[in-house]
Amino acid sequence: MSETSERRMSIRARLPGFLRRADPAVVTAFGCILLLLFLGSLYSSNFLSPDYLLQQLKVASFLGVVAAGMMVAILLGHIDLSVPWVMTAGAMMACAVAGFGDTGSVAAIPAGVLCGVAFGLLNGIGVAFLRIPSMIVTLASNVVAQGLMVVYTGGFSPQDSAPPAVRWLATGAVVPGLPNALLVWGGVSVAMVFLLTRTAFGRAVYGIGNSERAAFLSGVGTRRVIMTAFVISGTLSAFGGVLLAGYASKAAQAMGDPYLLPSIAAVVLGGTSILGGRGSYFGTVAGVILITLLQSILSVMQMPEAGRQIVYGVVIIVMLLLYGRAPPNR
């Protein structure tokens, strides 16, 4: 064993038990969050105020819901590029259904989410059964969703406003001082942690991400798992769109476009391998918060959108170099 390796093991042995067991990528992501907060506080003391932090968590909740679905797809070694217009379709359909009176208002959220289920099912069938690369299938689904929404709206911003139930879900507060959107993200997070760590489906997702052939030979219904994973991704994308429509009080053309790259970046920043089979949901949570804080700081600095996209791209490349490479014997 080299002297450098021995030194690393010695340093690791002196760390507290929970840090020794923690994923280095997750620790790094949370460390970067603290660094951003520190740098932001040097610019303005408001960066550390409870109101600012709560507002950032509220904004992060929309990205967090979408990134949860993206993580499931990436854990399989696939990717979901249909996020932008599946989000938009979910938001538009939720607002459109609300136009049918009281019944429509009740059905608005389920209608929006069902749009995501439909597109997720389309993606899942294409990847799992037709064996088309996920990048191609999901990109095609994104274009189909875009075409359908343009036909529905005639190419203009829809006039339908978000119903009260959708607005309350995104901006209300069941617990005083705690936004509903944050509670929704918390519920999704608990469900995701349980799904990935305590169910056969979660174990199958990691197994397929490591080796689909080995998982299939072990008796795992790989096609069913892959299809279900894309349904989850589509459902959460549409649900994120519904929440975003409630936050903005209406749907808008291309409202999901700003969420594709950040959702991928958040997952990769949290240490999930882009090749699949490795990753922690807590890392994705850290990645979402990190991306949100980064967006906030860049906005305060008045950096143009093109500059933000360059930053996201550089961040993804750096994290891929750190965490995205396959083990030598994979």
C-alpha atoms as a PDB file:
ATOM      1  CA  MET A   1       0.000   0.000   0.000  1.00  0.00           C
ATOM      2  CA  SER A   2       1.376   3.425  -0.933  1.00  0.00           C
ATOM      3  CA  GLU A   3       2.204   6.125   1.600  1.00  0.00           C
ATOM      4  CA  THR A   4      -0.561   8.346   0.176  1.00  0.00           C
ATOM      5  CA  SER A   5      -3.189   5.604   0.609  1.00  0.00           C
ATOM      6  CA  GLU A   6      -2.040   4.959   4.165  1.00  0.00           C
ATOM      7  CA  ARG A   7      -2.283   8.665   4.954  1.00  0.00           C
ATOM      8  CA  ARG A   8      -5.841   8.819   3.548  1.00  0.00           C
ATOM      9  CA  MET A   9      -6.891   5.794   5.593  1.00  0.00           C
ATOM     10  CA  SER A  10      -5.349   7.324   8.699  1.00  0.00           C
ATOM     11  CA  ILE A  11      -7.229  10.595   8.182  1.00  0.00           C
ATOM     12  CA  ARG A  12     -10.485   8.725   7.491  1.00  0.00           C
ATOM     13  CA  ALA A  13     -10.056   6.637  10.647  1.00  0.00           C
ATOM     14  CA  ARG A  14      -9.902   9.792  12.769  1.00  0.00           C
ATOM     15  CA  LEU A  15     -13.216  11.100  11.392  1.00  0.00           C
ATOM     16  CA  PRO A  16     -16.497  10.655  13.317  1.00  0.00           C
ATOM     17  CA  GLY A  17     -18.363   7.429  12.557  1.00  0.00           C
ATOM     18  CA  PHE A  18     -21.150   9.051  10.517  1.00  0.00           C
ATOM     19  CA  LEU A  19     -18.579  10.789   8.289  1.00  0.00           C
ATOM     20  CA  ARG A  20     -16.673   7.544   7.713  1.00  0.00           C
ATOM     21  CA  ARG A  21     -19.888   5.875   6.543  1.00  0.00           C
ATOM     22  CA  ALA A  22     -21.050   8.817   4.426  1.00  0.00           C
ATOM     23  CA  ASP A  23     -20.706   8.928   0.662  1.00  0.00           C
ATOM     24  CA  PRO A  24     -17.789  11.304  -0.152  1.00  0.00           C
ATOM     25  CA  ALA A  25     -19.849  12.838  -2.979  1.00  0.00           C
ATOM     26  CA  VAL A  26     -22.689  13.691  -0.591  1.00  0.00           C
ATOM     27  CA  VAL A  27     -20.275  15.188   1.949  1.00  0.00           C
ATOM     28  CA  THR A  28     -18.656  17.211  -0.835  1.00  0.00           C
ATOM     29  CA  ALA A  29     -22.032  18.495  -2.050  1.00  0.00           C
ATOM     30  CA  PHE A  30     -23.080  19.626   1.429  1.00  0.00           C
ATOM     31  CA  GLY A  31     -19.638  21.179   1.902  1.00  0.00           C
ATOM     32  CA  CYS A  32     -20.159  23.167  -1.305  1.00  0.00           C
ATOM     33  CA  ILE A  33     -23.528  24.357   0.020  1.00  0.00           C
ATOM     34  CA  LEU A  34     -21.858  25.723   3.147  1.00  0.00           C
ATOM     35  CA  LEU A  35     -19.185  27.344   0.990  1.00  0.00           C
ATOM     36  CA  LEU A  36     -21.820  29.043  -1.208  1.00  0.00           C
ATOM     37  CA  LEU A  37     -23.672  30.315   1.858  1.00  0.00           C
ATOM     38  CA  PHE A  38     -20.418  31.688   3.230  1.00  0.00           C
ATOM     39  CA  LEU A  39     -19.531  33.398  -0.049  1.00  0.00           C
ATOM     40  CA  GLY A  40     -23.073  34.751  -0.340  1.00  0.00           C
ATOM     41  CA  SER A  41     -22.925  36.139   3.193  1.00  0.00           C
ATOM     42  CA  LEU A  42     -19.815  38.098   2.226  1.00  0.00           C
ATOM     43  CA  TYR A  43     -21.883  39.739  -0.509  1.00  0.00           C
ATOM     44  CA  SER A  44     -24.962  40.299   1.650  1.00  0.00           C
ATOM     45  CA  SER A  45     -25.861  39.350   5.218  1.00  0.00           C
ATOM     46  CA  ASN A  46     -29.369  38.402   4.007  1.00  0.00           C
ATOM     47  CA  PHE A  47     -27.957  35.169   2.570  1.00  0.00           C
ATOM     48  CA  LEU A  48     -27.950  33.665   6.056  1.00  0.00           C
ATOM     49  CA  SER A  49     -31.337  35.004   7.186  1.00  0.00           C
ATOM     50  CA  PRO A  50     -34.051  32.409   7.949  1.00  0.00           C
ATOM     51  CA  ASP A  51     -36.474  34.082   5.502  1.00  0.00           C
ATOM     52  CA  TYR A  52     -33.970  33.866   2.652  1.00  0.00           C
ATOM     53  CA  LEU A  53     -33.073  30.236   3.396  1.00  0.00           C
ATOM     54  CA  LEU A  54     -36.754  29.259   3.603  1.00  0.00           C
ATOM     55  CA  GLN A  55     -37.477  31.013   0.308  1.00  0.00           C
ATOM     56  CA  GLN A  56     -34.588  29.171  -1.356  1.00  0.00           C
ATOM     57  CA  LEU A  57     -35.875  25.841  -0.064  1.00  0.00           C
ATOM     58  CA  LYS A  58     -39.320  26.694  -1.426  1.00  0.00           C
ATOM     59  CA  VAL A  59     -37.846  27.454  -4.855  1.00  0.00           C
ATOM     60  CA  ALA A  60     -35.720  24.303  -4.627  1.00  0.00           C
ATOM     61  CA  SER A  61     -38.795  22.148  -4.015  1.00  0.00           C
ATOM     62  CA  PHE A  62     -39.950  22.410  -7.658  1.00  0.00           C
ATOM     63  CA  LEU A  63     -36.555  21.318  -8.953  1.00  0.00           C
ATOM     64  CA  GLY A  64     -36.367  18.704  -6.202  1.00  0.00           C
ATOM     65  CA  VAL A  65     -39.546  16.954  -7.334  1.00  0.00           C
ATOM     66  CA  VAL A  66     -38.318  16.839 -10.943  1.00  0.00           C
ATOM     67  CA  ALA A  67     -34.793  15.739  -9.975  1.00  0.00           C
ATOM     68  CA  ALA A  68     -36.208  12.837  -7.948  1.00  0.00           C
ATOM     69  CA  GLY A  69     -37.688  11.356 -11.107  1.00  0.00           C
ATOM     70  CA  MET A  70     -34.564  12.119 -13.122  1.00  0.00           C
ATOM     71  CA  MET A  71     -32.463  10.264 -10.553  1.00  0.00           C
ATOM     72  CA  VAL A  72     -34.440   7.046 -11.026  1.00  0.00           C
ATOM     73  CA  ALA A  73     -33.788   7.161 -14.769  1.00  0.00           C
ATOM     74  CA  ILE A  74     -30.090   7.944 -14.323  1.00  0.00           C
ATOM     75  CA  LEU A  75     -29.650   5.149 -11.778  1.00  0.00           C
ATOM     76  CA  LEU A  76     -30.690   2.766 -14.548  1.00  0.00           C
ATOM     77  CA  GLY A  77     -27.960   4.159 -16.788  1.00  0.00           C
ATOM     78  CA  HIS A  78     -30.563   6.003 -18.880  1.00  0.00           C
ATOM     79  CA  ILE A  79     -31.689   9.617 -19.075  1.00  0.00           C
ATOM     80  CA  ASP A  80     -35.004  11.431 -19.489  1.00  0.00           C
ATOM     81  CA  LEU A  81     -34.834  14.379 -21.896  1.00  0.00           C
ATOM     82  CA  SER A  82     -38.618  14.782 -22.066  1.00  0.00           C
ATOM     83  CA  VAL A  83     -38.698  16.729 -18.790  1.00  0.00           C
ATOM     84  CA  PRO A  84     -39.201  20.269 -20.236  1.00  0.00           C
ATOM     85  CA  TRP A  85     -42.411  19.730 -22.178  1.00  0.00           C
ATOM     86  CA  VAL A  86     -43.799  16.992 -19.934  1.00  0.00           C
ATOM     87  CA  MET A  87     -43.630  19.617 -17.176  1.00  0.00           C
ATOM     88  CA  THR A  88     -45.317  22.124 -19.473  1.00  0.00           C
ATOM     89  CA  ALA A  89     -47.983  19.631 -20.568  1.00  0.00           C
ATOM     90  CA  GLY A  90     -48.796  18.721 -16.969  1.00  0.00           C
ATOM     91  CA  ALA A  91     -49.105  22.382 -16.023  1.00  0.00           C
ATOM     92  CA  MET A  92     -51.229  23.295 -19.051  1.00  0.00           C
ATOM     93  CA  MET A  93     -53.590  20.357 -18.688  1.00  0.00           C
ATOM     94  CA  ALA A  94     -54.079  21.012 -14.983  1.00  0.00           C
ATOM     95  CA  CYS A  95     -55.042  24.613 -15.769  1.00  0.00           C
ATOM     96  CA  ALA A  96     -57.194  23.591 -18.751  1.00  0.00           C
ATOM     97  CA  VAL A  97     -59.214  21.002 -16.809  1.00  0.00           C
ATOM     98  CA  ALA A  98     -59.891  23.580 -14.118  1.00  0.00           C
ATOM     99  CA  GLY A  99     -62.043  25.419 -16.652  1.00  0.00           C
ATOM    100  CA  PHE A 100     -64.787  22.786 -16.286  1.00  0.00           C
ATOM    101  CA  GLY A 101     -66.238  24.208 -13.101  1.00  0.00           C
ATOM    102  CA  ASP A 102     -65.995  22.677  -9.633  1.00  0.00           C
ATOM    103  CA  THR A 103     -65.436  19.156 -10.963  1.00  0.00           C
ATOM    104  CA  GLY A 104     -62.573  20.403 -13.101  1.00  0.00           C
ATOM    105  CA  SER A 105     -60.955  22.136 -10.141  1.00  0.00           C
ATOM    106  CA  VAL A 106     -60.961  18.866  -8.199  1.00  0.00           C
ATOM    107  CA  ALA A 107     -59.585  16.924 -11.166  1.00  0.00           C
ATOM    108  CA  ALA A 108     -56.951  19.512 -12.121  1.00  0.00           C
ATOM    109  CA  ILE A 109     -54.002  18.013 -10.234  1.00  0.00           C
ATOM    110  CA  PRO A 110     -54.757  14.363 -11.188  1.00  0.00           C
ATOM    111  CA  ALA A 111     -55.233  15.406 -14.829  1.00  0.00           C
ATOM    112  CA  GLY A 112     -51.861  17.123 -14.928  1.00  0.00           C
ATOM    113  CA  VAL A 113     -50.107  14.189 -13.259  1.00  0.00           C
ATOM    114  CA  LEU A 114     -51.768  11.694 -15.621  1.00  0.00           C
ATOM    115  CA  CYS A 115     -50.178  13.517 -18.559  1.00  0.00           C
ATOM    116  CA  GLY A 116     -46.820  12.666 -17.031  1.00  0.00           C
ATOM    117  CA  VAL A 117     -47.879   9.050 -16.542  1.00  0.00           C
ATOM    118  CA  ALA A 118     -48.837   8.811 -20.230  1.00  0.00           C
ATOM    119  CA  PHE A 119     -45.547  10.236 -21.496  1.00  0.00           C
ATOM    120  CA  GLY A 120     -43.587   8.173 -18.986  1.00  0.00           C
ATOM    121  CA  LEU A 121     -45.354   5.054 -20.211  1.00  0.00           C
ATOM    122  CA  LEU A 122     -44.506   5.981 -23.795  1.00  0.00           C
ATOM    123  CA  ASN A 123     -40.855   6.458 -22.868  1.00  0.00           C
ATOM    124  CA  GLY A 124     -40.762   3.254 -20.853  1.00  0.00           C
ATOM    125  CA  ILE A 125     -42.235   1.121 -23.629  1.00  0.00           C
ATOM    126  CA  GLY A 126     -39.787   2.593 -26.120  1.00  0.00           C
ATOM    127  CA  VAL A 127     -36.743   1.937 -23.945  1.00  0.00           C
ATOM    128  CA  ALA A 128     -37.736  -1.321 -22.243  1.00  0.00           C
ATOM    129  CA  PHE A 129     -39.576  -3.185 -24.990  1.00  0.00           C
ATOM    130  CA  LEU A 130     -38.525  -1.581 -28.264  1.00  0.00           C
ATOM    131  CA  ARG A 131     -34.902  -1.235 -27.055  1.00  0.00           C
ATOM    132  CA  ILE A 132     -34.558   2.297 -28.417  1.00  0.00           C
ATOM    133  CA  PRO A 133     -31.874   4.385 -26.649  1.00  0.00           C
ATOM    134  CA  SER A 134     -33.464   6.468 -23.913  1.00  0.00           C
ATOM    135  CA  MET A 135     -31.907   9.661 -25.236  1.00  0.00           C
ATOM    136  CA  ILE A 136     -33.721   9.210 -28.569  1.00  0.00           C
ATOM    137  CA  VAL A 137     -37.080   8.101 -27.152  1.00  0.00           C
ATOM    138  CA  THR A 138     -37.332  10.805 -24.517  1.00  0.00           C
ATOM    139  CA  LEU A 139     -36.171  13.522 -26.901  1.00  0.00           C
ATOM    140  CA  ALA A 140     -38.863  12.407 -29.346  1.00  0.00           C
ATOM    141  CA  SER A 141     -41.470  12.425 -26.547  1.00  0.00           C
ATOM    142  CA  ASN A 142     -40.402  15.938 -25.641  1.00  0.00           C
ATOM    143  CA  VAL A 143     -41.003  17.062 -29.230  1.00  0.00           C
ATOM    144  CA  VAL A 144     -44.391  15.295 -29.324  1.00  0.00           C
ATOM    145  CA  ALA A 145     -45.447  16.989 -26.085  1.00  0.00           C
ATOM    146  CA  GLN A 146     -44.281  20.325 -27.447  1.00  0.00           C
ATOM    147  CA  GLY A 147     -46.276  19.835 -30.654  1.00  0.00           C
ATOM    148  CA  LEU A 148     -49.421  18.863 -28.768  1.00  0.00           C
ATOM    149  CA  MET A 149     -49.189  21.900 -26.502  1.00  0.00           C
ATOM    150  CA  VAL A 150     -48.575  24.251 -29.445  1.00  0.00           C
ATOM    151  CA  VAL A 151     -51.639  22.799 -31.193  1.00  0.00           C
ATOM    152  CA  TYR A 152     -53.685  23.187 -28.004  1.00  0.00           C
ATOM    153  CA  THR A 153     -52.664  26.803 -27.425  1.00  0.00           C
ATOM    154  CA  GLY A 154     -52.288  27.883 -31.044  1.00  0.00           C
ATOM    155  CA  GLY A 155     -48.730  28.904 -30.285  1.00  0.00           C
ATOM    156  CA  PHE A 156     -49.757  31.554 -27.770  1.00  0.00           C
ATOM    157  CA  SER A 157     -49.615  31.599 -23.988  1.00  0.00           C
ATOM    158  CA  PRO A 158     -52.698  29.818 -22.603  1.00  0.00           C
ATOM    159  CA  GLN A 159     -55.350  31.973 -20.972  1.00  0.00           C
ATOM    160  CA  ASP A 160     -56.285  29.395 -18.345  1.00  0.00           C
ATOM    161  CA  SER A 161     -55.182  30.306 -14.836  1.00  0.00           C
ATOM    162  CA  ALA A 162     -54.208  27.810 -12.157  1.00  0.00           C
ATOM    163  CA  PRO A 163     -57.161  26.736  -9.979  1.00  0.00           C
ATOM    164  CA  PRO A 164     -57.175  27.589  -6.258  1.00  0.00           C
ATOM    165  CA  ALA A 165     -56.251  24.023  -5.243  1.00  0.00           C
ATOM    166  CA  VAL A 166     -53.105  24.100  -7.381  1.00  0.00           C
ATOM    167  CA  ARG A 167     -52.131  27.555  -6.125  1.00  0.00           C
ATOM    168  CA  TRP A 168     -52.704  26.480  -2.531  1.00  0.00           C
ATOM    169  CA  LEU A 169     -50.573  23.350  -3.009  1.00  0.00           C
ATOM    170  CA  ALA A 170     -47.665  25.441  -4.306  1.00  0.00           C
ATOM    171  CA  THR A 171     -47.936  28.617  -2.233  1.00  0.00           C
ATOM    172  CA  GLY A 172     -50.106  27.826   0.794  1.00  0.00           C
ATOM    173  CA  ALA A 173     -48.977  26.761   4.243  1.00  0.00           C
ATOM    174  CA  VAL A 174     -50.711  24.010   6.221  1.00  0.00           C
ATOM    175  CA  VAL A 175     -48.071  24.492   8.904  1.00  0.00           C
ATOM    176  CA  PRO A 176     -47.650  28.227   9.609  1.00  0.00           C
ATOM    177  CA  GLY A 177     -44.335  29.464   8.277  1.00  0.00           C
ATOM    178  CA  LEU A 178     -43.644  26.279   6.311  1.00  0.00           C
ATOM    179  CA  PRO A 179     -44.619  26.355   2.604  1.00  0.00           C
ATOM    180  CA  ASN A 180     -46.740  23.501   1.270  1.00  0.00           C
ATOM    181  CA  ALA A 181     -44.339  23.090  -1.662  1.00  0.00           C
ATOM    182  CA  LEU A 182     -41.586  22.227   0.795  1.00  0.00           C
ATOM    183  CA  LEU A 183     -43.827  19.692   2.534  1.00  0.00           C
ATOM    184  CA  VAL A 184     -44.645  18.141  -0.848  1.00  0.00           C
ATOM    185  CA  TRP A 185     -40.942  17.814  -1.648  1.00  0.00           C
ATOM    186  CA  GLY A 186     -40.411  16.297   1.795  1.00  0.00           C
ATOM    187  CA  GLY A 187     -43.143  13.732   1.105  1.00  0.00           C
ATOM    188  CA  VAL A 188     -41.650  12.888  -2.289  1.00  0.00           C
ATOM    189  CA  SER A 189     -38.220  12.551  -0.659  1.00  0.00           C
ATOM    190  CA  VAL A 190     -39.464  10.151   2.010  1.00  0.00           C
ATOM    191  CA  ALA A 191     -41.202   8.071  -0.660  1.00  0.00           C
ATOM    192  CA  MET A 192     -38.050   8.016  -2.827  1.00  0.00           C
ATOM    193  CA  VAL A 193     -35.774   6.990   0.041  1.00  0.00           C
ATOM    194  CA  PHE A 194     -38.166   4.180   0.961  1.00  0.00           C
ATOM    195  CA  LEU A 195     -38.544   3.106  -2.672  1.00  0.00           C
ATOM    196  CA  LEU A 196     -34.805   3.002  -3.388  1.00  0.00           C
ATOM    197  CA  THR A 197     -33.594   1.510  -0.111  1.00  0.00           C
ATOM    198  CA  ARG A 198     -36.424  -0.644   1.236  1.00  0.00           C
ATOM    199  CA  THR A 199     -38.088  -2.251  -1.775  1.00  0.00           C
ATOM    200  CA  ALA A 200     -37.261  -4.910  -4.349  1.00  0.00           C
ATOM    201  CA  PHE A 201     -37.859  -2.313  -7.045  1.00  0.00           C
ATOM    202  CA  GLY A 202     -35.123  -0.089  -5.638  1.00  0.00           C
ATOM    203  CA  ARG A 203     -32.644  -2.956  -5.470  1.00  0.00           C
ATOM    204  CA  ALA A 204     -33.550  -3.883  -9.042  1.00  0.00           C
ATOM    205  CA  VAL A 205     -32.919  -0.303 -10.215  1.00  0.00           C
ATOM    206  CA  TYR A 206     -29.399  -0.363  -8.777  1.00  0.00           C
ATOM    207  CA  GLY A 207     -28.828  -3.862 -10.145  1.00  0.00           C
ATOM    208  CA  ILE A 208     -29.892  -2.908 -13.669  1.00  0.00           C
ATOM    209  CA  GLY A 209     -27.747   0.202 -13.502  1.00  0.00           C
ATOM    210  CA  ASN A 210     -24.708  -1.916 -12.682  1.00  0.00           C
ATOM    211  CA  SER A 211     -25.433  -4.632 -15.239  1.00  0.00           C
ATOM    212  CA  GLU A 212     -28.774  -5.156 -16.946  1.00  0.00           C
ATOM    213  CA  ARG A 213     -27.707  -8.558 -18.240  1.00  0.00           C
ATOM    214  CA  ALA A 214     -26.687  -9.775 -14.776  1.00  0.00           C
ATOM    215  CA  ALA A 215     -29.946  -8.467 -13.298  1.00  0.00           C
ATOM    216  CA  PHE A 216     -31.951 -10.266 -15.996  1.00  0.00           C
ATOM    217  CA  LEU A 217     -30.086 -13.542 -15.411  1.00  0.00           C
ATOM    218  CA  SER A 218     -30.794 -13.147 -11.681  1.00  0.00           C
ATOM    219  CA  GLY A 219     -34.512 -13.248 -12.370  1.00  0.00           C
ATOM    220  CA  VAL A 220     -35.268  -9.507 -12.278  1.00  0.00           C
ATOM    221  CA  GLY A 221     -38.051  -8.366 -14.633  1.00  0.00           C
ATOM    222  CA  THR A 222     -35.799  -5.754 -16.187  1.00  0.00           C
ATOM    223  CA  ARG A 223     -38.328  -4.528 -18.759  1.00  0.00           C
ATOM    224  CA  ARG A 224     -41.000  -3.983 -16.147  1.00  0.00           C
ATOM    225  CA  VAL A 225     -38.577  -2.144 -13.845  1.00  0.00           C
ATOM    226  CA  ILE A 226     -37.300   0.132 -16.633  1.00  0.00           C
ATOM    227  CA  MET A 227     -40.829   0.961 -17.772  1.00  0.00           C
ATOM    228  CA  THR A 228     -41.905   1.710 -14.195  1.00  0.00           C
ATOM    229  CA  ALA A 229     -38.874   3.925 -13.658  1.00  0.00           C
ATOM    230  CA  PHE A 230     -39.736   6.066 -16.682  1.00  0.00           C
ATOM    231  CA  VAL A 231     -43.361   6.290 -15.538  1.00  0.00           C
ATOM    232  CA  ILE A 232     -42.090   7.590 -12.180  1.00  0.00           C
ATOM    233  CA  SER A 233     -39.862  10.106 -13.954  1.00  0.00           C
ATOM    234  CA  GLY A 234     -42.696  11.331 -16.183  1.00  0.00           C
ATOM    235  CA  THR A 235     -45.139  11.502 -13.278  1.00  0.00           C
ATOM    236  CA  LEU A 236     -42.805  13.581 -11.120  1.00  0.00           C
ATOM    237  CA  SER A 237     -41.940  15.859 -14.060  1.00  0.00           C
ATOM    238  CA  ALA A 238     -45.627  16.596 -14.671  1.00  0.00           C
ATOM    239  CA  PHE A 239     -46.244  17.011 -10.946  1.00  0.00           C
ATOM    240  CA  GLY A 240     -43.369  19.472 -10.791  1.00  0.00           C
ATOM    241  CA  GLY A 241     -44.999  21.358 -13.663  1.00  0.00           C
ATOM    242  CA  VAL A 242     -48.324  21.473 -11.802  1.00  0.00           C
ATOM    243  CA  LEU A 243     -46.590  22.890  -8.729  1.00  0.00           C
ATOM    244  CA  LEU A 244     -44.777  25.450 -10.851  1.00  0.00           C
ATOM    245  CA  ALA A 245     -48.069  26.524 -12.451  1.00  0.00           C
ATOM    246  CA  GLY A 246     -49.533  26.990  -8.983  1.00  0.00           C
ATOM    247  CA  TYR A 247     -46.526  29.069  -7.949  1.00  0.00           C
ATOM    248  CA  ALA A 248     -46.826  31.275 -11.061  1.00  0.00           C
ATOM    249  CA  SER A 249     -50.672  31.184 -10.963  1.00  0.00           C
ATOM    250  CA  LYS A 250     -50.778  30.011 -14.606  1.00  0.00           C
ATOM    251  CA  ALA A 251     -49.035  27.802 -17.149  1.00  0.00           C
ATOM    252  CA  ALA A 252     -46.781  29.180 -19.866  1.00  0.00           C
ATOM    253  CA  GLN A 253     -45.159  27.978 -23.056  1.00  0.00           C
ATOM    254  CA  ALA A 254     -41.768  26.309 -22.468  1.00  0.00           C
ATOM    255  CA  MET A 255     -42.008  26.844 -18.708  1.00  0.00           C
ATOM    256  CA  GLY A 256     -40.169  23.541 -18.168  1.00  0.00           C
ATOM    257  CA  ASP A 257     -37.162  24.392 -20.353  1.00  0.00           C
ATOM    258  CA  PRO A 258     -35.062  25.854 -17.502  1.00  0.00           C
ATOM    259  CA  TYR A 259     -35.395  22.611 -15.517  1.00  0.00           C
ATOM    260  CA  LEU A 260     -33.768  20.015 -17.783  1.00  0.00           C
ATOM    261  CA  LEU A 261     -30.094  20.831 -17.300  1.00  0.00           C
ATOM    262  CA  PRO A 262     -30.411  21.774 -13.600  1.00  0.00           C
ATOM    263  CA  SER A 263     -32.241  18.506 -12.839  1.00  0.00           C
ATOM    264  CA  ILE A 264     -29.438  16.478 -14.439  1.00  0.00           C
ATOM    265  CA  ALA A 265     -26.801  18.648 -12.768  1.00  0.00           C
ATOM    266  CA  ALA A 266     -28.439  18.233  -9.350  1.00  0.00           C
ATOM    267  CA  VAL A 267     -28.413  14.439  -9.647  1.00  0.00           C
ATOM    268  CA  VAL A 268     -24.799  14.310 -10.855  1.00  0.00           C
ATOM    269  CA  LEU A 269     -23.661  16.861  -8.273  1.00  0.00           C
ATOM    270  CA  GLY A 270     -25.044  14.593  -5.589  1.00  0.00           C
ATOM    271  CA  GLY A 271     -22.709  11.798  -6.674  1.00  0.00           C
ATOM    272  CA  THR A 272     -25.081   9.661  -8.740  1.00  0.00           C
ATOM    273  CA  SER A 273     -23.111   8.027 -11.532  1.00  0.00           C
ATOM    274  CA  ILE A 274     -24.330   9.061 -14.976  1.00  0.00           C
ATOM    275  CA  LEU A 275     -23.519   5.467 -15.993  1.00  0.00           C
ATOM    276  CA  GLY A 276     -26.034   4.120 -13.473  1.00  0.00           C
ATOM    277  CA  GLY A 277     -25.927   1.782 -10.512  1.00  0.00           C
ATOM    278  CA  ARG A 278     -24.501   4.150  -7.918  1.00  0.00           C
ATOM    279  CA  GLY A 279     -25.957   7.099  -6.053  1.00  0.00           C
ATOM    280  CA  SER A 280     -27.724   8.323  -2.928  1.00  0.00           C
ATOM    281  CA  TYR A 281     -30.970  10.268  -2.849  1.00  0.00           C
ATOM    282  CA  PHE A 282     -29.567  12.461  -0.079  1.00  0.00           C
ATOM    283  CA  GLY A 283     -26.905  13.455  -2.566  1.00  0.00           C
ATOM    284  CA  THR A 284     -29.618  14.516  -5.010  1.00  0.00           C
ATOM    285  CA  VAL A 285     -31.235  16.647  -2.286  1.00  0.00           C
ATOM    286  CA  ALA A 286     -27.862  18.293  -1.682  1.00  0.00           C
ATOM    287  CA  GLY A 287     -27.429  18.797  -5.423  1.00  0.00           C
ATOM    288  CA  VAL A 288     -30.839  20.472  -5.715  1.00  0.00           C
ATOM    289  CA  ILE A 289     -30.077  22.877  -2.881  1.00  0.00           C
ATOM    290  CA  LEU A 290     -26.632  23.558  -4.315  1.00  0.00           C
ATOM    291  CA  ILE A 291     -28.015  24.338  -7.779  1.00  0.00           C
ATOM    292  CA  THR A 292     -30.720  26.575  -6.300  1.00  0.00           C
ATOM    293  CA  LEU A 293     -28.202  28.550  -4.249  1.00  0.00           C
ATOM    294  CA  LEU A 294     -25.942  28.805  -7.282  1.00  0.00           C
ATOM    295  CA  GLN A 295     -28.851  30.142  -9.349  1.00  0.00           C
ATOM    296  CA  SER A 296     -29.658  32.672  -6.641  1.00  0.00           C
ATOM    297  CA  ILE A 297     -26.089  33.931  -6.414  1.00  0.00           C
ATOM    298  CA  LEU A 298     -25.773  34.163 -10.198  1.00  0.00           C
ATOM    299  CA  SER A 299     -29.067  36.079 -10.331  1.00  0.00           C
ATOM    300  CA  VAL A 300     -27.865  38.517  -7.684  1.00  0.00           C
ATOM    301  CA  MET A 301     -24.700  38.944  -9.732  1.00  0.00           C
ATOM    302  CA  GLN A 302     -27.001  39.611 -12.744  1.00  0.00           C
ATOM    303  CA  MET A 303     -25.266  36.988 -14.831  1.00  0.00           C
ATOM    304  CA  PRO A 304     -27.134  36.432 -18.142  1.00  0.00           C
ATOM    305  CA  GLU A 305     -28.869  33.125 -18.867  1.00  0.00           C
ATOM    306  CA  ALA A 306     -26.147  32.105 -21.340  1.00  0.00           C
ATOM    307  CA  GLY A 307     -23.548  32.467 -18.602  1.00  0.00           C
ATOM    308  CA  ARG A 308     -25.617  30.352 -16.214  1.00  0.00           C
ATOM    309  CA  GLN A 309     -25.886  27.566 -18.785  1.00  0.00           C
ATOM    310  CA  ILE A 310     -22.108  27.644 -19.226  1.00  0.00           C
ATOM    311  CA  VAL A 311     -21.661  27.338 -15.467  1.00  0.00           C
ATOM    312  CA  TYR A 312     -24.074  24.366 -15.310  1.00  0.00           C
ATOM    313  CA  GLY A 313     -22.258  22.663 -18.178  1.00  0.00           C
ATOM    314  CA  VAL A 314     -18.858  23.135 -16.566  1.00  0.00           C
ATOM    315  CA  VAL A 315     -20.200  21.849 -13.239  1.00  0.00           C
ATOM    316  CA  ILE A 316     -21.581  18.697 -14.887  1.00  0.00           C
ATOM    317  CA  ILE A 317     -18.296  18.036 -16.713  1.00  0.00           C
ATOM    318  CA  VAL A 318     -16.262  18.461 -13.521  1.00  0.00           C
ATOM    319  CA  MET A 319     -18.554  16.185 -11.514  1.00  0.00           C
ATOM    320  CA  LEU A 320     -18.514  13.579 -14.275  1.00  0.00           C
ATOM    321  CA  LEU A 321     -14.744  13.570 -14.096  1.00  0.00           C
ATOM    322  CA  LEU A 322     -14.948  13.057 -10.338  1.00  0.00           C
ATOM    323  CA  TYR A 323     -17.835  10.581 -10.018  1.00  0.00           C
ATOM    324  CA  GLY A 324     -19.074   9.544 -13.442  1.00  0.00           C
ATOM    325  CA  ARG A 325     -16.344   7.225 -14.632  1.00  0.00           C
ATOM    326  CA  ALA A 326     -16.872   3.484 -14.550  1.00  0.00           C
ATOM    327  CA  PRO A 327     -14.755   1.289 -12.256  1.00  0.00           C
ATOM    328  CA  PRO A 328     -11.891  -0.433 -14.085  1.00  0.00           C
ATOM    329  CA  ASN A 329     -13.507  -3.892 -14.037  1.00  0.00           C
ATOM    330  CA  ARG A 330     -17.032  -2.825 -14.802  1.00  0.00           C
END
